[in-house]
Amino acid sequence: MENKELFEQRREEATKARRKVYTHFERDLSFFESMTEEQRDEFFKGQRIRSKRIRRTRKVTKTVFTGLGLLVAIAVSILAIVPIFYTFLNSFMSSGEISNNYGVIFQSLAGNTSKGAQYLAKTPSLIMVPQRVTFKQYLNLLLMSPTYLIKFWNSLMLVIPIVAGQMAISCLASYSFARYRRKRREILFFSYIILMLMPFQVTLVPNYMIAEKLKILDTPWAIILPGIFSTFAIFLLTKYMRQIPNAYIEAAKLDGATEWQIFTQIAVPMCKSAIIALTILLFIDYWNMVEQPLVLMANAKDLQPMSVFLSQINEAEIGIAFAASSLFMIPPLLIFLWGEEYLVEGISRSGVK
């Protein structure tokens, strides 16, 4: 009996506690509920005006910064393009006109005076448009002297094997680094990055010593072999191939594809833009090389490329130097214009910031 009374008492206390918890209480009005209809309209009107002012300010700020960036880009572009125009247009000047325009510059150089380099005696007249157009420099360069054609052919014989060999090795090595991520391979890939970050002058001496031991010094192989095994292309292609979804590779494996088929039919086609971009960059880089031929082919003057020949043209043949420089710029410009779209896409998607 006592237990029943105790149970009823506790039940009544629990009921009172629940009723106390869920007792209705007055809620404070929010900011908008406390406002009248006119006050709300006035408030939203002020917010619309403020939002419009902020958007206008942001638009003006964006326009100003875009204009400043465009002006800076135009200025940098002009500074980069003007020397190219000067070189190309001056290649059509006669030797006398070139001497009148730039003679004061050459006379002040260290090689023309016994006192060393001096200040300019007068202000040179940098004329962009020639007063009398002549093709004599090009005729002498292409028809009268075979030196240019020989040097041009030497450049092609050095650059094309380097680019082709480096791209073949880079594609295979990059696929290996991207597909098989093991600890030892990551260490090897890290060593590749370290070699890429080293200055060129650091590796030039070891290359010279190795070429001498292999008895390929003063031959094209002294430049071709180190160029083929360069590390930059492997680093960039590995970053690109690691972005290929694994679902494609797994699906190809389920269909019975071999590793060679996956490499040739999936990896290489998906990396087409990166491969073309690297081909352009490597071609331009090795087309302008000077240090390697001067060091590794010092005693083989006849095998040196066009880039070395340009630096050996003396003052008396400055017109030929302008013409040779103009012709020397044509292959890199053509290959850049041909693959500009692939170059931008390959670099932007490679993960390089």
Protein backbone atom coordinates (compact mmCIF):
# COMPACT_ATOMS: atom_id res chain seq x y z
CA MET A 1 0.00 0.00 0.00
CA GLU A 2 2.77 2.38 0.89
CA ASN A 3 4.57 1.55 -2.34
CA LYS A 4 1.45 2.37 -4.35
CA GLU A 5 1.07 5.74 -2.63
CA LEU A 6 4.77 6.47 -3.17
CA PHE A 7 4.40 5.55 -6.86
CA GLU A 8 1.40 7.85 -7.30
CA GLN A 9 3.22 10.67 -5.54
CA ARG A 10 6.26 10.37 -7.81
CA ARG A 11 4.02 10.17 -10.86
CA GLU A 12 2.28 13.36 -9.83
CA GLU A 13 5.62 15.12 -9.27
CA ALA A 14 6.84 13.99 -12.71
CA THR A 15 3.66 15.29 -14.32
CA LYS A 16 4.07 18.66 -12.64
CA ALA A 17 7.72 18.78 -13.71
CA ARG A 18 6.75 18.13 -17.35
CA ARG A 19 4.08 20.77 -17.26
CA LYS A 20 6.58 23.19 -15.78
CA VAL A 21 9.07 22.48 -18.54
CA TYR A 22 6.63 22.97 -21.38
CA THR A 23 4.96 25.98 -19.89
CA HIS A 24 4.35 28.68 -22.50
CA PHE A 25 6.44 31.81 -22.05
CA GLU A 26 6.50 35.12 -23.81
CA ARG A 27 9.06 35.39 -26.65
CA ASP A 28 10.85 38.66 -27.35
CA LEU A 29 10.10 40.23 -30.70
CA SER A 30 12.81 40.10 -33.38
CA PHE A 31 14.32 43.16 -35.03
CA PHE A 32 12.01 43.02 -38.03
CA GLU A 33 8.90 42.12 -35.99
CA SER A 34 9.36 45.20 -33.84
CA MET A 35 9.36 47.44 -36.93
CA THR A 36 6.34 48.88 -38.65
CA GLU A 37 5.61 48.31 -42.34
CA GLU A 38 6.93 51.78 -43.27
CA GLN A 39 10.12 51.21 -41.28
CA ARG A 40 10.71 47.90 -43.02
CA ASP A 41 10.30 49.47 -46.46
CA GLU A 42 12.69 52.24 -45.51
CA PHE A 43 15.22 49.75 -44.15
CA PHE A 44 15.21 47.56 -47.29
CA LYS A 45 15.42 50.64 -49.49
CA GLY A 46 18.58 51.75 -47.66
CA GLN A 47 20.06 48.24 -47.99
CA ARG A 48 19.42 48.21 -51.75
CA ILE A 49 21.12 51.60 -52.11
CA ARG A 50 24.09 50.38 -50.03
CA SER A 51 24.38 47.14 -52.06
CA LYS A 52 24.29 49.10 -55.33
CA ARG A 53 27.03 51.43 -54.06
CA ILE A 54 29.21 48.48 -53.03
CA ARG A 55 28.78 46.79 -56.45
CA ARG A 56 29.63 50.04 -58.22
CA THR A 57 32.75 50.47 -56.08
CA ARG A 58 33.88 46.91 -56.75
CA LYS A 59 33.29 47.33 -60.48
CA VAL A 60 35.31 50.56 -60.58
CA THR A 61 38.12 48.97 -58.54
CA LYS A 62 38.19 45.92 -60.80
CA THR A 63 38.24 48.12 -63.91
CA VAL A 64 41.11 50.22 -62.53
CA PHE A 65 43.24 47.21 -61.60
CA THR A 66 42.46 45.52 -64.91
CA GLY A 67 43.49 48.67 -66.79
CA LEU A 68 46.73 48.96 -64.80
CA GLY A 69 47.53 45.30 -65.41
CA LEU A 70 46.81 45.74 -69.12
CA LEU A 71 49.10 48.77 -69.30
CA VAL A 72 51.90 46.87 -67.56
CA ALA A 73 51.42 43.90 -69.90
CA ILE A 74 51.49 46.17 -72.94
CA ALA A 75 54.65 47.91 -71.69
CA VAL A 76 56.43 44.60 -71.07
CA SER A 77 55.30 43.28 -74.45
CA ILE A 78 56.62 46.37 -76.22
CA LEU A 79 59.98 46.07 -74.44
CA ALA A 80 60.19 42.44 -75.56
CA ILE A 81 59.02 42.96 -79.14
CA VAL A 82 60.93 46.15 -80.03
CA PRO A 83 64.37 44.44 -80.19
CA ILE A 84 62.90 41.77 -82.47
CA PHE A 85 61.50 44.42 -84.82
CA TYR A 86 64.81 46.31 -84.75
CA THR A 87 66.73 43.16 -85.66
CA PHE A 88 64.36 42.18 -88.46
CA LEU A 89 64.05 45.65 -90.02
CA ASN A 90 67.74 46.46 -89.67
CA SER A 91 68.56 43.29 -91.59
CA PHE A 92 67.33 45.15 -94.71
CA MET A 93 69.69 48.12 -94.16
CA SER A 94 72.85 48.65 -96.14
CA SER A 95 76.22 48.38 -94.42
CA GLY A 96 76.79 52.15 -94.68
CA GLU A 97 73.44 52.93 -93.06
CA ILE A 98 74.08 50.47 -90.27
CA SER A 99 77.52 52.00 -89.66
CA ASN A 100 76.04 55.49 -89.52
CA ASN A 101 73.35 54.44 -87.07
CA TYR A 102 75.26 52.07 -84.77
CA GLY A 103 78.92 52.88 -85.45
CA VAL A 104 79.20 55.05 -82.35
CA ILE A 105 78.07 52.10 -80.22
CA PHE A 106 80.68 49.71 -81.58
CA GLN A 107 83.46 52.28 -81.34
CA SER A 108 82.87 52.57 -77.60
CA LEU A 109 83.21 48.84 -76.92
CA ALA A 110 86.31 47.44 -75.24
CA GLY A 111 87.47 45.51 -78.29
CA ASN A 112 87.75 48.61 -80.49
CA THR A 113 89.78 50.91 -78.24
CA SER A 114 93.05 50.43 -76.40
CA LYS A 115 91.63 52.16 -73.32
CA GLY A 116 88.81 49.68 -72.88
CA ALA A 117 85.13 50.45 -72.90
CA GLN A 118 84.27 54.14 -73.03
CA TYR A 119 81.17 56.28 -72.85
CA LEU A 120 79.37 57.01 -76.11
CA ALA A 121 80.83 59.97 -77.97
CA LYS A 122 77.39 61.00 -79.16
CA THR A 123 73.84 59.75 -79.00
CA PRO A 124 73.24 56.96 -81.55
CA SER A 125 70.33 57.29 -83.96
CA LEU A 126 68.20 54.19 -83.60
CA ILE A 127 66.23 54.11 -86.84
CA MET A 128 63.70 51.32 -87.13
CA VAL A 129 62.64 51.72 -90.78
CA PRO A 130 65.55 51.53 -93.24
CA GLN A 131 65.96 54.43 -95.64
CA ARG A 132 66.98 52.09 -98.44
CA VAL A 133 65.84 48.48 -98.44
CA THR A 134 68.44 45.98 -99.62
CA PHE A 135 68.64 42.18 -99.68
CA LYS A 136 72.40 42.06 -100.07
CA GLN A 137 72.93 40.66 -96.56
CA TYR A 138 70.57 37.75 -97.22
CA LEU A 139 72.15 37.04 -100.60
CA ASN A 140 75.64 36.99 -99.09
CA LEU A 141 74.44 34.87 -96.18
CA LEU A 142 72.50 32.24 -98.13
CA LEU A 143 74.20 32.15 -101.53
CA MET A 144 77.71 33.56 -101.30
CA SER A 145 78.83 31.87 -98.08
CA PRO A 146 77.90 28.30 -97.07
CA THR A 147 78.85 28.89 -93.43
CA TYR A 148 75.36 29.88 -92.35
CA LEU A 149 73.70 26.87 -93.99
CA ILE A 150 76.26 24.55 -92.42
CA LYS A 151 75.72 26.05 -88.96
CA PHE A 152 71.96 25.98 -89.43
CA TRP A 153 72.14 22.30 -90.36
CA ASN A 154 74.36 21.65 -87.33
CA SER A 155 71.71 23.20 -85.09
CA LEU A 156 69.03 20.93 -86.53
CA MET A 157 71.26 17.86 -86.20
CA LEU A 158 71.76 18.64 -82.51
CA VAL A 159 68.32 19.87 -81.48
CA ILE A 160 66.07 17.32 -83.20
CA PRO A 161 67.74 14.19 -81.70
CA ILE A 162 67.84 15.82 -78.26
CA VAL A 163 64.15 16.74 -78.30
CA ALA A 164 63.01 13.42 -79.79
CA GLY A 165 65.14 11.33 -77.44
CA GLN A 166 64.27 13.33 -74.36
CA MET A 167 60.53 13.13 -75.07
CA ALA A 168 60.69 9.36 -75.62
CA ILE A 169 62.58 8.75 -72.38
CA SER A 170 60.50 11.28 -70.45
CA CYS A 171 57.20 9.67 -71.46
CA LEU A 172 58.36 6.21 -70.36
CA ALA A 173 59.94 7.40 -67.11
CA SER A 174 57.02 9.66 -66.23
CA TYR A 175 54.53 6.82 -66.75
CA SER A 176 56.60 4.65 -64.43
CA PHE A 177 56.75 7.33 -61.72
CA ALA A 178 53.03 8.04 -62.04
CA ARG A 179 51.80 4.42 -62.05
CA TYR A 180 54.07 2.71 -59.53
CA ARG A 181 54.42 4.83 -56.42
CA ARG A 182 56.88 2.96 -54.24
CA LYS A 183 59.23 4.36 -51.66
CA ARG A 184 62.34 3.75 -53.76
CA ARG A 185 60.75 5.34 -56.81
CA GLU A 186 59.77 8.40 -54.81
CA ILE A 187 63.38 8.74 -53.63
CA LEU A 188 64.56 8.49 -57.24
CA PHE A 189 61.97 11.07 -58.32
CA PHE A 190 63.11 13.40 -55.54
CA SER A 191 66.70 13.04 -56.77
CA TYR A 192 65.47 14.04 -60.25
CA ILE A 193 63.99 17.20 -58.76
CA ILE A 194 67.28 18.00 -57.03
CA LEU A 195 69.15 17.60 -60.33
CA MET A 196 66.62 19.86 -62.04
CA LEU A 197 67.15 22.59 -59.44
CA MET A 198 70.93 22.55 -59.88
CA PRO A 199 72.40 25.34 -62.03
CA PHE A 200 73.54 24.32 -65.48
CA GLN A 201 77.13 25.31 -64.72
CA VAL A 202 77.26 22.72 -61.90
CA THR A 203 76.59 19.79 -64.23
CA LEU A 204 78.67 21.10 -67.13
CA VAL A 205 82.01 20.05 -65.64
CA PRO A 206 80.90 16.46 -64.84
CA ASN A 207 79.48 16.20 -68.36
CA TYR A 208 82.81 17.32 -69.76
CA MET A 209 84.69 14.73 -67.70
CA ILE A 210 82.32 11.92 -68.66
CA ALA A 211 82.46 12.88 -72.34
CA GLU A 212 86.25 12.83 -72.17
CA LYS A 213 86.26 9.37 -70.57
CA LEU A 214 83.82 8.06 -73.20
CA LYS A 215 85.94 9.62 -75.97
CA ILE A 216 82.99 11.52 -77.42
CA LEU A 217 84.39 14.98 -76.68
CA ASP A 218 84.27 17.35 -79.67
CA THR A 219 81.52 15.24 -81.24
CA PRO A 220 77.75 15.87 -81.39
CA TRP A 221 77.19 13.00 -78.93
CA ALA A 222 78.82 15.05 -76.17
CA ILE A 223 75.80 17.37 -76.37
CA ILE A 224 73.08 14.94 -77.49
CA LEU A 225 73.49 12.33 -74.74
CA PRO A 226 73.32 14.73 -71.74
CA GLY A 227 70.41 16.52 -73.39
CA ILE A 228 68.42 13.32 -73.89
CA PHE A 229 68.59 12.44 -70.20
CA SER A 230 67.60 15.88 -68.90
CA THR A 231 65.23 15.92 -65.89
CA PHE A 232 62.88 18.84 -66.55
CA ALA A 233 60.59 16.98 -68.96
CA ILE A 234 60.32 13.99 -66.60
CA PHE A 235 59.30 16.22 -63.71
CA LEU A 236 56.62 18.05 -65.69
CA LEU A 237 55.17 14.95 -67.37
CA THR A 238 55.03 13.03 -64.09
CA LYS A 239 52.94 15.80 -62.53
CA TYR A 240 50.66 15.65 -65.57
CA MET A 241 50.28 11.85 -65.71
CA ARG A 242 49.42 11.64 -62.02
CA GLN A 243 46.24 13.59 -62.81
CA ILE A 244 44.93 10.76 -65.02
CA PRO A 245 41.96 9.12 -63.18
CA ASN A 246 42.70 5.59 -61.99
CA ALA A 247 39.22 4.55 -63.15
CA TYR A 248 40.39 4.70 -66.78
CA ILE A 249 43.35 2.44 -66.06
CA GLU A 250 41.30 -0.02 -64.01
CA ALA A 251 38.67 -0.21 -66.76
CA ALA A 252 41.39 -0.90 -69.33
CA LYS A 253 42.81 -3.66 -67.13
CA LEU A 254 39.38 -5.28 -66.84
CA ASP A 255 39.18 -5.28 -70.64
CA GLY A 256 42.49 -7.14 -70.78
CA ALA A 257 44.77 -4.27 -71.83
CA THR A 258 48.50 -4.64 -71.21
CA GLU A 259 50.70 -1.98 -69.66
CA TRP A 260 52.05 -1.02 -73.08
CA GLN A 261 48.50 -0.61 -74.42
CA ILE A 262 47.54 1.49 -71.39
CA PHE A 263 50.61 3.64 -71.95
CA THR A 264 50.17 4.13 -75.70
CA GLN A 265 46.36 4.31 -75.88
CA ILE A 266 45.43 6.07 -72.62
CA ALA A 267 48.39 7.86 -71.00
CA VAL A 268 50.03 9.33 -74.09
CA PRO A 269 46.81 10.58 -75.79
CA MET A 270 45.61 12.19 -72.54
CA CYS A 271 48.98 13.93 -72.16
CA LYS A 272 49.08 15.20 -75.76
CA SER A 273 48.97 18.89 -74.79
CA ALA A 274 51.75 18.47 -72.21
CA ILE A 275 53.94 16.54 -74.67
CA ILE A 276 53.55 19.21 -77.36
CA ALA A 277 54.18 21.98 -74.81
CA LEU A 278 57.37 20.28 -73.63
CA THR A 279 58.49 19.76 -77.23
CA ILE A 280 58.15 23.48 -77.89
CA LEU A 281 59.98 24.47 -74.70
CA LEU A 282 62.80 22.00 -75.28
CA PHE A 283 63.22 23.02 -78.92
CA ILE A 284 63.49 26.71 -78.01
CA ASP A 285 65.84 25.99 -75.13
CA TYR A 286 68.29 23.83 -77.08
CA TRP A 287 67.99 25.94 -80.22
CA ASN A 288 69.52 28.84 -78.27
CA MET A 289 72.19 26.88 -76.42
CA VAL A 290 75.66 28.42 -76.38
CA GLU A 291 77.58 27.10 -73.35
CA GLN A 292 77.40 23.41 -74.25
CA PRO A 293 78.91 23.75 -77.75
CA LEU A 294 81.58 26.17 -76.54
CA VAL A 295 82.74 23.76 -73.81
CA LEU A 296 82.03 20.30 -75.19
CA MET A 297 82.88 21.09 -78.84
CA ALA A 298 85.64 23.66 -78.37
CA ASN A 299 87.98 22.00 -80.88
CA ALA A 300 85.29 21.13 -83.44
CA LYS A 301 84.43 24.53 -84.90
CA ASP A 302 82.82 23.01 -87.98
CA LEU A 303 80.29 21.11 -85.86
CA GLN A 304 79.17 24.02 -83.70
CA PRO A 305 75.56 25.22 -84.11
CA MET A 306 74.19 28.50 -85.40
CA SER A 307 73.82 29.99 -81.92
CA VAL A 308 77.61 30.02 -81.54
CA PHE A 309 78.14 31.37 -85.05
CA LEU A 310 76.03 34.46 -84.28
CA SER A 311 78.34 35.48 -81.46
CA GLN A 312 81.41 35.16 -83.71
CA ILE A 313 80.29 37.59 -86.43
CA ASN A 314 82.55 40.64 -86.23
CA GLU A 315 81.73 44.33 -86.60
CA ALA A 316 82.58 44.44 -90.30
CA GLU A 317 79.77 41.95 -90.97
CA ILE A 318 77.16 43.51 -88.71
CA GLY A 319 74.64 43.56 -91.57
CA ILE A 320 75.07 39.82 -92.00
CA ALA A 321 74.67 39.45 -88.23
CA PHE A 322 71.28 41.14 -88.40
CA ALA A 323 70.20 38.93 -91.30
CA ALA A 324 71.48 35.78 -89.61
CA SER A 325 69.70 36.68 -86.38
CA SER A 326 66.45 37.25 -88.27
CA LEU A 327 66.64 33.87 -89.97
CA PHE A 328 67.69 32.24 -86.71
CA MET A 329 64.49 33.47 -85.03
CA ILE A 330 62.14 31.98 -87.64
CA PRO A 331 62.07 28.28 -86.54
CA PRO A 332 61.34 29.01 -82.83
CA LEU A 333 58.69 31.56 -83.75
CA LEU A 334 56.98 29.19 -86.18
CA ILE A 335 56.93 26.28 -83.74
CA PHE A 336 55.68 28.57 -80.97
CA LEU A 337 52.85 29.97 -83.10
CA TRP A 338 51.92 26.46 -84.20
CA GLY A 339 51.67 25.05 -80.68
CA GLU A 340 50.69 28.12 -78.66
CA GLU A 341 47.33 26.63 -77.67
CA TYR A 342 48.92 23.35 -76.54
CA LEU A 343 51.66 25.26 -74.71
CA VAL A 344 49.19 27.25 -72.61
CA GLU A 345 47.00 24.22 -71.88
CA GLY A 346 49.92 21.93 -71.06
CA ILE A 347 51.50 24.33 -68.57
CA SER A 348 48.20 25.35 -66.93
CA ARG A 349 47.14 21.73 -66.32
CA SER A 350 50.54 20.38 -65.27
CA GLY A 351 50.27 21.59 -61.66
CA VAL A 352 53.25 23.94 -62.00
CA LYS A 353 52.50 27.27 -60.28
